[in-house]
């Protein structure tokens, strides 16, 4: 039997598990936050210190008229890495190689071609200051030896400080929450899409091809909602019409023998309903439909037997219900009626808009 997608049922099941989406968001935020903390605090390695010096460049336009057109931040970074600057600075330092100097120094984006900031990033304050000083001397020598420059002098100098990266923990938490919520949405939606539980009366029709006589709300509910109470009473009354004036034995059993939900509350409720409809009704709970034959053999000739199978709400057991129904059909032991039990009232009220 081809089952149609019930969009309202699916939506209500998603709403029912919205807490899982919230939990996914929290887990995602915590996971991203922990990874970011480990990356920035545990795996970040030794801290770096930055020496910063602002140099002013005086161009000699008499030698090269358009010299300023050739030097920007990209060009200066290449110049810093050359033998004329990094190489010469390494010679002055002695214990630091040209490659280490080149890796340590950089020039950020320039806003004025006459001024350049030079950064020297090293693992200690002393090393950063030494590299910065050597670079300064090399730049001054470079200006004296290169056509188009008059001089390069120190214009400003900041105190050497430890480099502290701007914290992105807030963004990481938001990103983690978003990823976690999206992942949870997928699993919740997919899980509900694949859920073959009995929730609505149409689910019963889809699983076993029979309309239920009614529904019994969750055991903790003291009073059954009037709408569903009347529905069950009316349908069971129709079932008992053929037994008027006779002794009736009503056998109640779970269609799914693997169901672990307690049966006492729904059994008690059905006893009350059936007693109101037929005072001669004797209600008995049996383990499964296999016990029907034994009960049939023990009944008196005056008694008439009616069987009611209970279907648990939301137990993800649709495949087992289909199998149990098929077996009962083969054994010619199909129940006279089926009833959904342990249902959630809010779900039914929302689904049927009651």
Protein backbone atom coordinates (compact mmCIF):
# COMPACT_ATOMS: atom_id res chain seq x y z
CA UNK A 1 0.00 0.00 0.00
CA UNK A 2 1.47 3.37 -1.06
CA UNK A 3 1.52 5.78 1.86
CA UNK A 4 1.02 9.50 1.22
CA UNK A 5 3.18 12.09 2.97
CA UNK A 6 1.13 13.73 5.70
CA UNK A 7 2.65 17.23 5.92
CA UNK A 8 0.67 18.22 9.03
CA UNK A 9 1.76 15.09 10.88
CA UNK A 10 5.37 15.71 9.83
CA UNK A 11 5.25 19.33 10.96
CA UNK A 12 3.85 18.40 14.39
CA UNK A 13 6.51 15.73 14.85
CA UNK A 14 9.18 18.30 14.01
CA UNK A 15 7.70 20.72 16.54
CA UNK A 16 7.64 17.92 19.11
CA UNK A 17 11.41 17.51 18.70
CA UNK A 18 12.36 21.17 18.50
CA UNK A 19 14.29 20.69 21.75
CA UNK A 20 16.66 18.43 19.81
CA UNK A 21 17.37 21.27 17.39
CA UNK A 22 18.10 23.58 20.33
CA UNK A 23 20.34 20.91 21.84
CA UNK A 24 22.14 20.56 18.50
CA UNK A 25 22.75 24.32 18.45
CA UNK A 26 24.19 24.21 21.98
CA UNK A 27 26.42 21.22 21.18
CA UNK A 28 27.61 22.88 17.94
CA UNK A 29 28.43 26.14 19.75
CA UNK A 30 30.32 24.28 22.50
CA UNK A 31 32.24 22.19 19.96
CA UNK A 32 33.29 25.18 17.84
CA UNK A 33 34.13 27.18 20.96
CA UNK A 34 36.34 24.38 22.34
CA UNK A 35 38.15 23.90 19.03
CA UNK A 36 38.77 27.65 18.76
CA UNK A 37 40.03 27.80 22.36
CA UNK A 38 42.41 24.89 21.77
CA UNK A 39 43.68 26.45 18.54
CA UNK A 40 44.29 29.90 20.02
CA UNK A 41 45.47 28.97 23.52
CA UNK A 42 46.82 25.43 23.56
CA UNK A 43 48.11 24.82 20.02
CA UNK A 44 49.08 28.40 19.19
CA UNK A 45 52.74 27.91 20.15
CA UNK A 46 55.02 30.55 21.60
CA UNK A 47 53.69 34.13 21.74
CA UNK A 48 55.17 36.70 19.35
CA UNK A 49 56.30 40.24 20.13
CA UNK A 50 56.08 43.04 17.58
CA UNK A 51 58.38 46.02 17.26
CA UNK A 52 56.83 48.81 15.15
CA UNK A 53 58.65 51.73 13.55
CA UNK A 54 57.34 54.37 11.16
CA UNK A 55 59.87 55.59 8.59
CA UNK A 56 59.66 58.71 6.48
CA UNK A 57 60.99 58.46 2.93
CA UNK A 58 62.44 61.46 1.12
CA UNK A 59 62.59 60.92 -2.62
CA UNK A 60 65.17 62.55 -4.88
CA UNK A 61 63.14 63.42 -7.98
CA UNK A 62 66.11 65.08 -9.64
CA UNK A 63 67.67 61.62 -10.00
CA UNK A 64 64.50 59.63 -10.85
CA UNK A 65 61.45 61.79 -11.52
CA UNK A 66 58.83 59.04 -11.11
CA UNK A 67 60.56 57.04 -8.39
CA UNK A 68 57.50 57.23 -6.11
CA UNK A 69 55.40 55.41 -8.70
CA UNK A 70 57.48 52.26 -8.32
CA UNK A 71 57.31 51.81 -4.55
CA UNK A 72 54.16 50.60 -2.79
CA UNK A 73 53.58 48.16 0.07
CA UNK A 74 53.99 45.13 -2.20
CA UNK A 75 57.25 46.43 -3.61
CA UNK A 76 58.60 47.36 -0.19
CA UNK A 77 57.87 43.87 1.16
CA UNK A 78 59.92 42.42 -1.71
CA UNK A 79 62.69 44.94 -1.02
CA UNK A 80 62.74 43.99 2.68
CA UNK A 81 63.31 40.33 1.77
CA UNK A 82 66.25 41.15 -0.48
CA UNK A 83 69.99 40.94 0.26
CA UNK A 84 70.14 44.73 0.46
CA UNK A 85 67.83 44.84 3.50
CA UNK A 86 67.24 41.41 5.11
CA UNK A 87 70.67 40.12 4.09
CA UNK A 88 72.49 43.15 5.40
CA UNK A 89 70.40 43.14 8.61
CA UNK A 90 71.32 39.48 9.17
CA UNK A 91 75.00 40.36 8.84
CA UNK A 92 74.58 43.05 11.49
CA UNK A 93 72.74 40.67 13.83
CA UNK A 94 75.07 37.73 13.41
CA UNK A 95 72.94 35.08 15.12
CA UNK A 96 69.80 35.48 12.96
CA UNK A 97 69.77 34.34 9.33
CA UNK A 98 68.51 36.31 6.34
CA UNK A 99 65.57 33.93 5.97
CA UNK A 100 64.54 34.43 9.59
CA UNK A 101 64.75 38.20 9.22
CA UNK A 102 62.70 38.09 6.01
CA UNK A 103 60.04 35.96 7.70
CA UNK A 104 59.89 38.29 10.71
CA UNK A 105 59.57 41.69 9.01
CA UNK A 106 56.61 43.02 7.05
CA UNK A 107 55.03 46.25 5.84
CA UNK A 108 51.25 46.72 6.10
CA UNK A 109 49.12 48.52 3.52
CA UNK A 110 50.44 52.04 2.92
CA UNK A 111 48.18 55.08 2.98
CA UNK A 112 50.97 57.51 2.02
CA UNK A 113 53.99 56.55 -0.12
CA UNK A 114 56.20 58.82 1.97
CA UNK A 115 55.63 56.80 5.15
CA UNK A 116 56.05 53.09 5.80
CA UNK A 117 55.41 51.09 8.95
CA UNK A 118 57.86 48.23 9.43
CA UNK A 119 56.87 45.37 11.73
CA UNK A 120 59.35 42.93 13.24
CA UNK A 121 57.72 39.88 14.86
CA UNK A 122 59.95 37.70 17.04
CA UNK A 123 59.53 35.34 19.99
CA UNK A 124 61.09 37.76 22.50
CA UNK A 125 61.00 41.54 22.98
CA UNK A 126 64.78 41.75 22.76
CA UNK A 127 64.92 39.86 19.47
CA UNK A 128 62.13 42.00 17.97
CA UNK A 129 63.92 45.22 18.99
CA UNK A 130 67.26 43.97 17.59
CA UNK A 131 65.73 42.99 14.24
CA UNK A 132 63.86 46.29 14.00
CA UNK A 133 67.05 48.26 14.72
CA UNK A 134 69.04 46.28 12.13
CA UNK A 135 66.31 46.81 9.53
CA UNK A 136 66.31 50.55 10.28
CA UNK A 137 70.05 50.81 9.69
CA UNK A 138 69.76 48.78 6.49
CA UNK A 139 66.94 51.00 5.19
CA UNK A 140 68.99 54.12 5.81
CA UNK A 141 71.96 52.60 3.96
CA UNK A 142 69.61 51.49 1.16
CA UNK A 143 68.40 55.09 0.72
CA UNK A 144 71.95 56.39 0.48
CA UNK A 145 73.01 53.77 -2.08
CA UNK A 146 69.91 53.77 -4.31
CA UNK A 147 69.10 56.37 -6.94
CA UNK A 148 65.86 58.25 -6.36
CA UNK A 149 66.14 58.41 -2.57
CA UNK A 150 67.55 61.16 -0.39
CA UNK A 151 67.05 59.52 2.98
CA UNK A 152 64.88 57.18 5.07
CA UNK A 153 64.62 58.23 8.70
CA UNK A 154 62.64 57.17 11.75
CA UNK A 155 59.47 59.24 12.10
CA UNK A 156 57.74 57.39 14.93
CA UNK A 157 58.33 54.31 17.05
CA UNK A 158 55.95 52.34 19.26
CA UNK A 159 56.73 50.26 22.28
CA UNK A 160 57.26 46.58 21.55
CA UNK A 161 54.18 44.60 22.56
CA UNK A 162 52.99 41.03 22.53
CA UNK A 163 50.81 40.29 19.51
CA UNK A 164 47.27 39.52 20.63
CA UNK A 165 44.92 38.24 17.97
CA UNK A 166 41.44 39.70 17.91
CA UNK A 167 39.14 37.19 19.61
CA UNK A 168 36.67 35.51 17.28
CA UNK A 169 35.02 33.41 19.97
CA UNK A 170 31.65 35.13 19.46
CA UNK A 171 31.65 34.36 15.74
CA UNK A 172 32.77 30.81 16.40
CA UNK A 173 29.93 30.25 18.86
CA UNK A 174 27.37 31.65 16.41
CA UNK A 175 28.79 29.59 13.55
CA UNK A 176 28.82 26.45 15.70
CA UNK A 177 25.24 27.02 16.83
CA UNK A 178 24.12 27.50 13.23
CA UNK A 179 25.91 24.37 12.00
CA UNK A 180 24.65 22.33 14.96
CA UNK A 181 21.07 23.52 14.47
CA UNK A 182 21.17 22.76 10.73
CA UNK A 183 22.59 19.29 11.35
CA UNK A 184 19.95 18.64 14.01
CA UNK A 185 17.22 19.89 11.64
CA UNK A 186 18.35 17.39 9.03
CA UNK A 187 18.42 14.44 11.44
CA UNK A 188 15.09 15.41 13.05
CA UNK A 189 13.40 15.84 9.66
CA UNK A 190 14.89 12.64 8.25
CA UNK A 191 14.05 10.70 11.42
CA UNK A 192 10.45 11.89 11.39
CA UNK A 193 10.19 11.17 7.68
CA UNK A 194 11.27 7.58 8.29
CA UNK A 195 9.21 7.16 11.48
CA UNK A 196 6.57 4.48 10.83
CA UNK A 197 4.90 4.87 14.23
CA UNK A 198 1.16 5.08 14.68
CA UNK A 199 0.28 8.67 15.55
CA UNK A 200 -2.99 9.42 13.77
CA UNK A 201 -6.00 7.37 12.76
CA UNK A 202 -4.90 7.61 9.14
CA UNK A 203 -1.60 5.96 10.18
CA UNK A 204 -3.60 2.94 11.36
CA UNK A 205 -5.34 2.79 8.00
CA UNK A 206 -1.99 2.96 6.22
CA UNK A 207 -0.35 0.28 8.38
CA UNK A 208 -3.07 -2.37 8.65
CA UNK A 209 -5.85 -1.19 6.34
CA UNK A 210 -8.44 -0.81 9.12
CA UNK A 211 -9.93 2.33 10.69
CA UNK A 212 -9.50 2.50 14.49
CA UNK A 213 -12.51 2.63 16.79
CA UNK A 214 -10.96 5.48 18.73
CA UNK A 215 -8.08 6.73 20.77
CA UNK A 216 -7.17 6.70 24.47
CA UNK A 217 -4.99 9.52 25.74
CA UNK A 218 -1.82 9.11 27.79
CA UNK A 219 -2.11 7.24 31.09
CA UNK A 220 -1.46 10.33 33.20
CA UNK A 221 -4.62 11.96 31.88
CA UNK A 222 -7.35 11.58 34.51
CA UNK A 223 -10.23 12.60 32.26
CA UNK A 224 -10.31 11.72 28.59
CA UNK A 225 -11.16 14.65 26.27
CA UNK A 226 -14.87 14.72 25.54
CA UNK A 227 -14.52 14.64 21.75
CA UNK A 228 -12.39 11.48 21.70
CA UNK A 229 -14.40 9.90 24.52
CA UNK A 230 -17.64 10.22 22.54
CA UNK A 231 -15.99 8.92 19.37
CA UNK A 232 -14.78 5.76 21.15
CA UNK A 233 -18.13 5.22 22.91
CA UNK A 234 -20.11 5.57 19.69
CA UNK A 235 -17.90 3.19 17.70
CA UNK A 236 -17.83 0.54 20.46
CA UNK A 237 -21.61 0.87 20.80
CA UNK A 238 -21.95 -0.02 17.12
CA UNK A 239 -19.63 -2.98 17.70
CA UNK A 240 -21.75 -4.24 20.62
CA UNK A 241 -25.11 -3.90 18.85
CA UNK A 242 -25.03 -7.52 17.72
CA UNK A 243 -24.55 -8.64 21.34
CA UNK A 244 -27.56 -6.92 22.91
CA UNK A 245 -29.07 -9.05 25.65
CA UNK A 246 -26.21 -11.56 25.51
CA UNK A 247 -23.25 -12.28 27.72
CA UNK A 248 -20.21 -10.70 26.10
CA UNK A 249 -16.57 -11.55 26.62
CA UNK A 250 -14.31 -8.75 25.39
CA UNK A 251 -10.71 -9.81 24.85
CA UNK A 252 -8.20 -6.98 24.75
CA UNK A 253 -4.59 -7.50 23.70
CA UNK A 254 -1.66 -5.52 22.25
CA UNK A 255 -1.31 -6.04 18.52
CA UNK A 256 2.45 -5.64 18.90
CA UNK A 257 3.52 -8.28 21.46
CA UNK A 258 6.87 -6.49 21.87
CA UNK A 259 5.19 -3.35 23.17
CA UNK A 260 6.48 -2.50 26.66
CA UNK A 261 3.92 0.19 27.51
CA UNK A 262 1.73 -0.60 30.56
CA UNK A 263 -1.82 -1.70 29.71
CA UNK A 264 -3.54 -1.18 33.06
CA UNK A 265 -4.82 2.36 32.45
CA UNK A 266 -6.25 1.79 28.94
CA UNK A 267 -7.71 -1.55 30.07
CA UNK A 268 -9.46 0.11 33.02
CA UNK A 269 -10.80 2.86 30.79
CA UNK A 270 -12.14 0.38 28.23
CA UNK A 271 -13.78 -1.61 31.02
CA UNK A 272 -15.64 1.52 32.13
CA UNK A 273 -16.74 2.38 28.59
CA UNK A 274 -17.84 -1.17 27.77
CA UNK A 275 -19.66 -1.61 31.09
CA UNK A 276 -21.67 1.55 30.37
CA UNK A 277 -22.60 0.15 26.96
CA UNK A 278 -23.31 -3.44 28.05
CA UNK A 279 -23.51 -4.40 31.71
CA UNK A 280 -23.10 -8.06 30.75
CA UNK A 281 -19.69 -7.40 29.22
CA UNK A 282 -16.73 -9.20 30.79
CA UNK A 283 -13.42 -7.57 29.86
CA UNK A 284 -10.22 -9.59 29.93
CA UNK A 285 -6.66 -8.66 29.00
CA UNK A 286 -4.73 -11.37 27.16
CA UNK A 287 -1.10 -11.45 26.11
CA UNK A 288 -1.64 -11.65 22.34
CA UNK A 289 -3.99 -13.01 19.71
CA UNK A 290 -2.51 -16.50 20.17
CA UNK A 291 -4.45 -16.72 23.44
CA UNK A 292 -7.77 -16.11 21.71
CA UNK A 293 -8.25 -19.77 20.82
CA UNK A 294 -7.71 -20.87 24.43
CA UNK A 295 -10.25 -18.32 25.62
CA UNK A 296 -12.73 -19.41 22.97
CA UNK A 297 -12.50 -22.99 24.21
CA UNK A 298 -13.18 -21.94 27.82
CA UNK A 299 -16.20 -19.69 27.20
CA UNK A 300 -19.80 -20.78 27.83
CA UNK A 301 -22.25 -21.33 24.95
CA UNK A 302 -24.20 -18.24 25.98
CA UNK A 303 -21.17 -15.97 25.67
CA UNK A 304 -20.15 -14.10 22.56
CA UNK A 305 -16.54 -13.02 22.10
CA UNK A 306 -15.37 -9.65 20.80
CA UNK A 307 -11.68 -8.87 20.37
CA UNK A 308 -10.08 -5.44 20.55
CA UNK A 309 -6.43 -4.91 19.65
CA UNK A 310 -4.49 -2.02 21.22
CA UNK A 311 -2.05 -0.06 19.07
CA UNK A 312 0.63 1.94 20.94
CA UNK A 313 1.10 5.59 20.01
CA UNK A 314 4.51 6.73 18.73
CA UNK A 315 6.57 3.57 19.33
CA UNK A 316 8.23 3.41 15.87
CA UNK A 317 6.84 -0.10 15.38
CA UNK A 318 4.84 0.23 12.16
CA UNK A 319 6.71 -2.65 10.50
CA UNK A 320 5.98 -4.95 13.45
CA UNK A 321 2.30 -3.96 13.40
CA UNK A 322 2.08 -4.83 9.70
CA UNK A 323 3.70 -8.20 10.38
CA UNK A 324 1.41 -8.93 13.33
CA UNK A 325 -1.65 -8.01 11.24
CA UNK A 326 -0.53 -10.22 8.38
CA UNK A 327 -0.05 -13.17 10.75
CA UNK A 328 -3.47 -12.60 12.36
CA UNK A 329 -5.02 -12.47 8.90
CA UNK A 330 -3.43 -15.78 7.91
CA UNK A 331 -4.51 -17.36 11.21
CA UNK A 332 -8.05 -15.98 10.80
CA UNK A 333 -7.73 -14.12 14.12
CA UNK A 334 -8.23 -10.52 13.09
CA UNK A 335 -9.64 -8.33 15.89
CA UNK A 336 -13.12 -6.83 15.67
CA UNK A 337 -11.75 -3.38 16.47
CA UNK A 338 -8.47 -1.59 17.08
CA UNK A 339 -7.83 1.30 19.48
CA UNK A 340 -4.85 3.64 19.72
CA UNK A 341 -3.65 4.14 23.29
CA UNK A 342 -1.14 6.32 25.18
CA UNK A 343 -1.66 9.18 22.71
CA UNK A 344 -0.67 12.79 23.42
CA UNK A 345 -3.63 15.13 23.63
CA UNK A 346 -1.81 18.23 22.34
CA UNK A 347 -0.81 16.34 19.21
CA UNK A 348 -4.39 15.25 18.47
CA UNK A 349 -5.84 18.65 19.21
CA UNK A 350 -3.30 20.29 16.93
CA UNK A 351 -3.70 17.71 14.19
CA UNK A 352 -7.50 17.72 14.13
CA UNK A 353 -7.74 21.43 15.10
CA UNK A 354 -10.06 20.70 17.99
